[in-house]
């Protein structure tokens, strides 16, 4: 099993077109989920906030799509419980 988090992107405006699995392309491989979200932040820094949020995603080593809000919640819980 891969140990990398994969940042994927669509790479073009899609407007009202539905996103299909073949539209996703690897943008970057990262060693951690945190690094993957930072890669997306850097890639979209010059854009209007939220404008390309649905054009990027993070795939975990087990193949599931990561949720940024879940990640933020886990990070916050770790801080509250002294795990960081």
Protein backbone atom coordinates (compact mmCIF):
# COMPACT_ATOMS: atom_id res chain seq x y z
CA UNK A 1 0.00 0.00 0.00
CA UNK A 2 1.28 3.47 -0.88
CA UNK A 3 2.24 5.75 1.99
CA UNK A 4 1.68 8.99 0.09
CA UNK A 5 -1.23 11.36 0.11
CA UNK A 6 -2.11 12.26 -3.47
CA UNK A 7 -3.28 15.76 -4.36
CA UNK A 8 -5.43 15.63 -7.46
CA UNK A 9 -6.91 18.39 -9.59
CA UNK A 10 -9.22 18.75 -12.53
CA UNK A 11 -7.08 21.44 -14.12
CA UNK A 12 -9.72 23.38 -16.00
CA UNK A 13 -12.98 25.20 -15.39
CA UNK A 14 -15.96 22.83 -15.55
CA UNK A 15 -18.92 25.18 -14.98
CA UNK A 16 -22.10 23.10 -14.78
CA UNK A 17 -20.47 19.97 -16.17
CA UNK A 18 -20.50 16.97 -13.79
CA UNK A 19 -17.08 15.79 -12.56
CA UNK A 20 -16.24 12.30 -13.76
CA UNK A 21 -13.46 10.04 -12.39
CA UNK A 22 -11.35 10.40 -15.54
CA UNK A 23 -11.10 14.18 -15.03
CA UNK A 24 -8.85 13.86 -11.96
CA UNK A 25 -5.07 14.08 -12.48
CA UNK A 26 -2.25 13.82 -9.95
CA UNK A 27 -0.97 17.26 -9.01
CA UNK A 28 1.44 16.28 -6.25
CA UNK A 29 2.36 13.44 -3.89
CA UNK A 30 2.86 14.36 -0.23
CA UNK A 31 4.19 12.50 2.80
CA UNK A 32 1.36 13.69 5.08
CA UNK A 33 -2.22 14.86 4.87
CA UNK A 34 -1.16 18.21 6.32
CA UNK A 35 1.38 18.68 3.51
CA UNK A 36 -1.28 17.80 0.93
CA UNK A 37 -3.69 20.47 2.21
CA UNK A 38 -0.83 23.00 2.24
CA UNK A 39 -0.05 22.11 -1.40
CA UNK A 40 -3.63 22.93 -2.33
CA UNK A 41 -3.44 26.18 -0.37
CA UNK A 42 -0.29 27.18 -2.27
CA UNK A 43 -1.79 26.21 -5.63
CA UNK A 44 -4.94 28.26 -5.05
CA UNK A 45 -3.43 31.21 -3.13
CA UNK A 46 -3.77 33.55 -6.10
CA UNK A 47 -7.45 32.69 -6.67
CA UNK A 48 -10.58 34.05 -5.04
CA UNK A 49 -11.27 32.19 -1.77
CA UNK A 50 -13.33 29.08 -2.42
CA UNK A 51 -13.41 29.54 -6.18
CA UNK A 52 -11.52 26.32 -7.03
CA UNK A 53 -12.23 24.27 -3.90
CA UNK A 54 -14.07 21.62 -5.91
CA UNK A 55 -11.21 21.33 -8.43
CA UNK A 56 -8.75 19.83 -5.93
CA UNK A 57 -8.93 16.84 -3.61
CA UNK A 58 -6.67 14.73 -1.40
CA UNK A 59 -6.61 10.94 -1.66
CA UNK A 60 -5.34 9.05 1.40
CA UNK A 61 -2.95 6.08 1.18
CA UNK A 62 -5.93 3.73 1.63
CA UNK A 63 -7.66 5.26 -1.41
CA UNK A 64 -10.42 7.26 0.28
CA UNK A 65 -10.98 10.95 -0.39
CA UNK A 66 -9.96 13.09 2.58
CA UNK A 67 -12.27 15.73 4.01
CA UNK A 68 -10.62 19.00 4.97
CA UNK A 69 -13.10 19.79 7.74
CA UNK A 70 -12.51 16.37 9.31
CA UNK A 71 -8.77 17.02 9.14
CA UNK A 72 -9.15 20.43 10.82
CA UNK A 73 -11.35 18.87 13.52
CA UNK A 74 -8.79 16.10 14.18
CA UNK A 75 -5.98 18.65 14.39
CA UNK A 76 -7.99 20.79 16.81
CA UNK A 77 -8.86 17.75 18.95
CA UNK A 78 -5.19 16.73 19.08
CA UNK A 79 -4.23 20.21 20.29
CA UNK A 80 -7.00 20.21 22.92
CA UNK A 81 -5.85 16.81 24.20
CA UNK A 82 -2.14 17.65 24.19
CA UNK A 83 -1.20 15.30 21.36
CA UNK A 84 0.67 17.97 19.39
